[in-house]
């Protein structure tokens, strides 16, 4: 069965709602178009997501908890309310020292590699 993705103007709950989804909260793809995909990652304490890469530019926004992001350029730690961007094709891994909820946005078909905007 295909996942249900949001339609235009359909409100998406980013946090777990026991009346709407199963217990415990799960990772789920919330929205997907030809240009973008948004995924809510639910990471239990101690969870490691091994090194991998995707072709598009990625943003990771920590909604709850804390998550360590390791990439070729170094490491950062995100706490609730913080966001980081990763260039496409950049290997990265995640570690959740405590339970965390992360909003992952993947931008497909971005022409060329990401470059910083000139000042």
N, C-alpha and C. Protein backbone atom coordinates (compact mmCIF):
# COMPACT_ATOMS: atom_id res chain seq x y z
N UNK A 1 0.84 -1.17 0.00
CA UNK A 1 0.00 0.00 0.00
C UNK A 1 0.89 1.24 0.00
N UNK A 2 0.57 2.22 -0.83
CA UNK A 2 1.35 3.45 -0.91
C UNK A 2 1.10 4.32 0.32
N UNK A 3 2.14 5.07 0.70
CA UNK A 3 2.00 5.99 1.81
C UNK A 3 1.09 7.15 1.41
N UNK A 4 0.31 7.64 2.37
CA UNK A 4 -0.51 8.81 2.11
C UNK A 4 0.34 10.04 2.36
N UNK A 5 0.47 10.86 1.36
CA UNK A 5 1.20 12.11 1.49
C UNK A 5 0.20 13.26 1.48
N UNK A 6 0.61 14.38 2.04
CA UNK A 6 -0.28 15.54 2.15
C UNK A 6 -0.59 16.14 0.79
N UNK A 7 -1.76 16.72 0.70
CA UNK A 7 -2.21 17.46 -0.47
C UNK A 7 -2.12 18.95 -0.17
N UNK A 8 -2.19 19.83 -1.18
CA UNK A 8 -2.16 21.26 -0.92
C UNK A 8 -3.21 21.67 0.12
N UNK A 9 -2.80 22.51 1.03
CA UNK A 9 -3.62 23.06 2.12
C UNK A 9 -4.05 22.02 3.16
N UNK A 10 -3.51 20.82 3.08
CA UNK A 10 -3.79 19.81 4.10
C UNK A 10 -2.81 20.00 5.25
N UNK A 11 -3.33 20.21 6.45
CA UNK A 11 -2.49 20.46 7.62
C UNK A 11 -1.79 19.16 8.02
N UNK A 12 -0.50 19.29 8.33
CA UNK A 12 0.33 18.14 8.73
C UNK A 12 0.71 18.31 10.19
N UNK A 13 0.44 17.30 11.01
CA UNK A 13 0.87 17.30 12.40
C UNK A 13 2.31 16.81 12.46
N UNK A 14 3.21 17.65 12.96
CA UNK A 14 4.62 17.26 13.05
C UNK A 14 4.90 16.44 14.29
N UNK A 15 4.07 16.58 15.30
CA UNK A 15 4.27 15.86 16.55
C UNK A 15 3.26 14.72 16.66
N UNK A 16 3.60 13.73 17.45
CA UNK A 16 2.76 12.56 17.64
C UNK A 16 1.41 12.93 18.24
N UNK A 17 0.36 12.40 17.66
CA UNK A 17 -1.00 12.55 18.20
C UNK A 17 -1.58 11.16 18.35
N UNK A 18 -1.66 10.66 19.58
CA UNK A 18 -2.14 9.29 19.80
C UNK A 18 -3.52 9.01 19.20
N UNK A 19 -4.36 10.05 19.06
CA UNK A 19 -5.70 9.85 18.50
C UNK A 19 -5.67 9.64 16.98
N UNK A 20 -4.53 9.95 16.34
CA UNK A 20 -4.44 9.88 14.89
C UNK A 20 -3.50 8.78 14.39
N UNK A 21 -2.43 8.52 15.15
CA UNK A 21 -1.44 7.55 14.68
C UNK A 21 -1.09 6.55 15.78
N UNK A 22 -0.49 5.44 15.39
CA UNK A 22 -0.21 4.38 16.35
C UNK A 22 0.82 4.78 17.41
N UNK A 23 0.81 4.04 18.50
CA UNK A 23 1.83 4.19 19.55
C UNK A 23 2.91 3.16 19.27
N UNK A 24 4.14 3.40 19.54
CA UNK A 24 4.73 4.72 19.74
C UNK A 24 4.82 5.46 18.41
N UNK A 25 5.17 6.75 18.46
CA UNK A 25 5.28 7.50 17.20
C UNK A 25 6.33 6.86 16.29
N UNK A 26 6.11 6.98 15.00
CA UNK A 26 6.99 6.34 14.03
C UNK A 26 7.50 7.36 13.01
N UNK A 27 8.61 7.01 12.36
CA UNK A 27 9.10 7.83 11.26
C UNK A 27 8.14 7.69 10.09
N UNK A 28 7.89 8.79 9.40
CA UNK A 28 6.92 8.75 8.30
C UNK A 28 7.24 9.84 7.28
N UNK A 29 7.04 9.50 6.00
CA UNK A 29 7.15 10.49 4.94
C UNK A 29 5.84 11.28 4.92
N UNK A 30 5.93 12.59 5.14
CA UNK A 30 4.74 13.42 5.26
C UNK A 30 4.28 14.01 3.94
N UNK A 31 5.25 14.33 3.09
CA UNK A 31 4.93 15.01 1.84
C UNK A 31 5.98 14.63 0.80
N UNK A 32 5.53 14.41 -0.42
CA UNK A 32 6.48 14.13 -1.50
C UNK A 32 5.94 14.68 -2.80
N UNK A 33 6.79 15.46 -3.46
CA UNK A 33 6.50 15.94 -4.81
C UNK A 33 7.74 15.61 -5.65
N UNK A 34 7.72 15.99 -6.91
CA UNK A 34 8.89 15.76 -7.76
C UNK A 34 10.08 16.57 -7.28
N UNK A 35 9.84 17.67 -6.55
CA UNK A 35 10.93 18.56 -6.15
C UNK A 35 11.35 18.41 -4.70
N UNK A 36 10.47 17.93 -3.81
CA UNK A 36 10.79 17.93 -2.38
C UNK A 36 10.14 16.75 -1.68
N UNK A 37 10.79 16.27 -0.63
CA UNK A 37 10.21 15.25 0.24
C UNK A 37 10.47 15.69 1.68
N UNK A 38 9.46 15.57 2.54
CA UNK A 38 9.59 15.91 3.95
C UNK A 38 9.28 14.66 4.76
N UNK A 39 10.21 14.30 5.65
CA UNK A 39 10.10 13.09 6.46
C UNK A 39 10.25 13.45 7.92
N UNK A 40 9.37 12.90 8.75
CA UNK A 40 9.53 13.04 10.20
C UNK A 40 10.27 11.80 10.67
N UNK A 41 11.48 11.99 11.21
CA UNK A 41 12.27 10.90 11.75
C UNK A 41 12.08 10.85 13.26
N UNK A 42 11.68 9.70 13.76
CA UNK A 42 11.57 9.48 15.20
C UNK A 42 12.72 8.57 15.59
N UNK A 43 13.64 9.11 16.39
CA UNK A 43 14.86 8.38 16.75
C UNK A 43 14.87 8.08 18.24
N UNK A 44 14.83 6.80 18.62
CA UNK A 44 14.91 6.45 20.04
C UNK A 44 16.29 6.79 20.60
N UNK A 45 16.38 6.96 21.90
CA UNK A 45 17.66 7.24 22.56
C UNK A 45 18.68 6.16 22.19
N UNK A 46 19.87 6.58 21.82
CA UNK A 46 20.93 5.65 21.47
C UNK A 46 20.92 5.19 20.02
N UNK A 47 19.93 5.63 19.23
CA UNK A 47 19.81 5.18 17.85
C UNK A 47 20.91 5.77 16.97
N UNK A 48 21.51 4.92 16.13
CA UNK A 48 22.49 5.35 15.14
C UNK A 48 21.94 5.11 13.75
N UNK A 49 22.00 6.14 12.91
CA UNK A 49 21.67 5.97 11.49
C UNK A 49 23.02 5.96 10.76
N UNK A 50 23.39 4.81 10.17
CA UNK A 50 24.72 4.69 9.55
C UNK A 50 24.94 5.69 8.42
N UNK A 51 26.20 5.87 8.08
CA UNK A 51 26.57 6.81 7.02
C UNK A 51 25.87 6.44 5.71
N UNK A 52 25.33 7.46 5.06
CA UNK A 52 24.65 7.31 3.78
C UNK A 52 24.69 8.66 3.08
N UNK A 53 24.21 8.73 1.84
CA UNK A 53 24.11 10.00 1.15
C UNK A 53 22.88 10.00 0.26
N UNK A 54 22.43 11.18 -0.07
CA UNK A 54 21.32 11.35 -1.00
C UNK A 54 21.75 12.38 -2.04
N UNK A 55 21.08 12.39 -3.17
CA UNK A 55 21.51 13.26 -4.27
C UNK A 55 21.11 14.72 -4.08
N UNK A 56 20.05 14.98 -3.38
CA UNK A 56 19.61 16.37 -3.23
C UNK A 56 20.10 17.02 -1.96
N UNK A 57 19.96 18.33 -1.91
CA UNK A 57 20.28 19.10 -0.71
C UNK A 57 19.31 18.68 0.40
N UNK A 58 19.83 18.57 1.64
CA UNK A 58 19.03 18.11 2.78
C UNK A 58 19.06 19.16 3.87
N UNK A 59 17.92 19.38 4.53
CA UNK A 59 17.93 20.11 5.79
C UNK A 59 17.43 19.16 6.87
N UNK A 60 18.01 19.28 8.05
CA UNK A 60 17.58 18.53 9.23
C UNK A 60 17.21 19.54 10.29
N UNK A 61 15.98 19.48 10.76
CA UNK A 61 15.51 20.38 11.80
C UNK A 61 15.11 19.56 13.01
N UNK A 62 15.75 19.80 14.14
CA UNK A 62 15.43 19.06 15.35
C UNK A 62 14.17 19.67 15.97
N UNK A 63 13.14 18.86 16.10
CA UNK A 63 11.88 19.31 16.70
C UNK A 63 11.84 19.02 18.19
N UNK A 64 12.49 17.93 18.60
CA UNK A 64 12.51 17.54 20.02
C UNK A 64 13.76 16.71 20.27
N UNK A 65 14.30 16.78 21.48
CA UNK A 65 15.46 15.98 21.84
C UNK A 65 16.75 16.59 21.33
N UNK A 66 17.68 15.72 20.95
CA UNK A 66 19.00 16.15 20.49
C UNK A 66 19.53 15.09 19.52
N UNK A 67 20.22 15.55 18.48
CA UNK A 67 20.78 14.62 17.50
C UNK A 67 22.15 15.14 17.03
N UNK A 68 23.13 14.22 16.95
CA UNK A 68 24.46 14.53 16.44
C UNK A 68 24.48 14.21 14.96
N UNK A 69 25.02 15.12 14.17
CA UNK A 69 25.12 14.95 12.72
C UNK A 69 26.60 14.94 12.36
N UNK A 70 27.07 13.83 11.80
CA UNK A 70 28.45 13.71 11.33
C UNK A 70 28.45 13.76 9.81
N UNK A 71 29.31 14.60 9.24
CA UNK A 71 29.42 14.71 7.79
C UNK A 71 30.89 14.94 7.46
N UNK A 72 31.19 14.97 6.17
CA UNK A 72 32.57 15.14 5.74
C UNK A 72 33.18 16.42 6.30
N UNK A 73 32.37 17.45 6.45
CA UNK A 73 32.86 18.74 6.94
C UNK A 73 33.00 18.83 8.44
N UNK A 74 32.60 17.80 9.18
CA UNK A 74 32.71 17.82 10.62
C UNK A 74 31.46 17.30 11.31
N UNK A 75 31.26 17.74 12.54
CA UNK A 75 30.13 17.29 13.35
C UNK A 75 29.43 18.50 13.94
N UNK A 76 28.10 18.38 14.06
CA UNK A 76 27.34 19.38 14.80
C UNK A 76 26.28 18.65 15.61
N UNK A 77 25.81 19.31 16.64
CA UNK A 77 24.74 18.78 17.46
C UNK A 77 23.55 19.72 17.35
N UNK A 78 22.40 19.15 17.01
CA UNK A 78 21.16 19.92 16.92
C UNK A 78 20.30 19.68 18.14
N UNK A 79 19.75 20.73 18.68
CA UNK A 79 18.76 20.64 19.76
C UNK A 79 17.45 21.20 19.22
N UNK A 80 16.38 21.00 19.97
CA UNK A 80 15.06 21.44 19.52
C UNK A 80 15.10 22.89 19.06
N UNK A 81 14.56 23.12 17.87
CA UNK A 81 14.50 24.46 17.31
C UNK A 81 15.69 24.83 16.44
N UNK A 82 16.64 23.90 16.23
CA UNK A 82 17.81 24.18 15.40
C UNK A 82 17.75 23.40 14.10
N UNK A 83 18.38 23.96 13.06
CA UNK A 83 18.35 23.39 11.72
C UNK A 83 19.75 23.44 11.12
N UNK A 84 20.07 22.44 10.30
CA UNK A 84 21.34 22.43 9.57
C UNK A 84 21.07 21.98 8.14
N UNK A 85 21.94 22.40 7.21
CA UNK A 85 21.83 22.01 5.81
C UNK A 85 23.02 21.15 5.44
N UNK A 86 22.79 20.13 4.61
CA UNK A 86 23.85 19.29 4.06
C UNK A 86 23.78 19.36 2.54
N UNK A 87 24.94 19.49 1.91
CA UNK A 87 24.98 19.51 0.45
C UNK A 87 24.63 18.13 -0.10
N UNK A 88 24.10 18.08 -1.30
CA UNK A 88 23.78 16.81 -1.93
C UNK A 88 25.00 15.94 -2.11
N UNK A 89 24.82 14.64 -2.06
CA UNK A 89 25.87 13.63 -2.22
C UNK A 89 26.90 13.65 -1.09
N UNK A 90 26.63 14.36 0.00
CA UNK A 90 27.57 14.40 1.12
C UNK A 90 27.24 13.26 2.10
N UNK A 91 28.18 12.32 2.29
CA UNK A 91 27.92 11.26 3.26
C UNK A 91 27.70 11.85 4.65
N UNK A 92 26.72 11.31 5.35
CA UNK A 92 26.43 11.79 6.70
C UNK A 92 25.80 10.66 7.51
N UNK A 93 25.91 10.79 8.83
CA UNK A 93 25.29 9.83 9.73
C UNK A 93 24.67 10.61 10.88
N UNK A 94 23.73 9.97 11.58
CA UNK A 94 23.04 10.59 12.70
C UNK A 94 23.18 9.71 13.93
N UNK A 95 23.25 10.35 15.09
CA UNK A 95 23.22 9.63 16.37
C UNK A 95 22.32 10.42 17.31
N UNK A 96 21.38 9.73 17.94
CA UNK A 96 20.48 10.37 18.91
C UNK A 96 20.90 9.95 20.32
N UNK A 97 21.63 10.80 21.05
CA UNK A 97 22.01 10.44 22.42
C UNK A 97 20.80 10.35 23.35
N UNK A 98 19.75 11.10 23.02
CA UNK A 98 18.47 11.03 23.72
C UNK A 98 17.40 10.89 22.65
N UNK A 99 16.20 10.51 23.02
CA UNK A 99 15.11 10.39 22.04
C UNK A 99 14.96 11.72 21.31
N UNK A 100 14.76 11.65 20.00
CA UNK A 100 14.69 12.87 19.19
C UNK A 100 13.65 12.71 18.09
N UNK A 101 13.11 13.85 17.68
CA UNK A 101 12.24 13.93 16.50
C UNK A 101 12.88 14.96 15.58
N UNK A 102 13.13 14.55 14.33
CA UNK A 102 13.82 15.39 13.36
C UNK A 102 12.98 15.50 12.10
N UNK A 103 12.86 16.71 11.59
CA UNK A 103 12.18 16.94 10.33
C UNK A 103 13.23 17.03 9.24
N UNK A 104 13.22 16.07 8.32
CA UNK A 104 14.18 15.99 7.23
C UNK A 104 13.50 16.49 5.97
N UNK A 105 14.11 17.46 5.32
CA UNK A 105 13.60 17.96 4.03
C UNK A 105 14.65 17.67 2.97
N UNK A 106 14.25 16.95 1.95
CA UNK A 106 15.12 16.56 0.84
C UNK A 106 14.63 17.27 -0.41
N UNK A 107 15.52 18.06 -1.00
CA UNK A 107 15.17 18.80 -2.22
C UNK A 107 15.72 18.04 -3.42
N UNK A 108 14.83 17.45 -4.21
CA UNK A 108 15.20 16.67 -5.39
C UNK A 108 15.50 17.59 -6.57
N UNK A 109 16.27 17.07 -7.49
CA UNK A 109 16.51 17.72 -8.78
C UNK A 109 16.96 19.16 -8.66
N UNK A 110 17.84 19.42 -7.71
CA UNK A 110 18.40 20.76 -7.60
C UNK A 110 19.51 20.86 -8.64
N UNK A 111 19.42 21.84 -9.55
CA UNK A 111 20.44 21.91 -10.61
C UNK A 111 21.80 22.26 -10.04
N UNK A 112 22.82 21.47 -10.39
CA UNK A 112 24.18 21.70 -9.92
C UNK A 112 24.35 21.42 -8.44
N UNK A 113 25.56 21.52 -7.97
CA UNK A 113 25.85 21.33 -6.55
C UNK A 113 25.57 22.62 -5.81
N UNK A 114 25.28 22.50 -4.53
CA UNK A 114 25.03 23.67 -3.69
C UNK A 114 26.30 24.51 -3.59
N UNK A 115 26.15 25.79 -3.70
CA UNK A 115 27.24 26.74 -3.53
C UNK A 115 26.74 27.84 -2.60
N UNK A 116 27.61 28.36 -1.73
CA UNK A 116 27.15 29.45 -0.88
C UNK A 116 26.78 30.67 -1.72
N UNK A 117 25.79 31.40 -1.26
CA UNK A 117 25.35 32.61 -1.96
C UNK A 117 26.42 33.67 -1.78
N UNK A 118 26.73 34.36 -2.86
CA UNK A 118 27.73 35.43 -2.76
C UNK A 118 27.15 36.60 -2.01
N UNK A 119 28.01 37.27 -1.23
CA UNK A 119 27.56 38.42 -0.42
C UNK A 119 27.25 39.61 -1.26
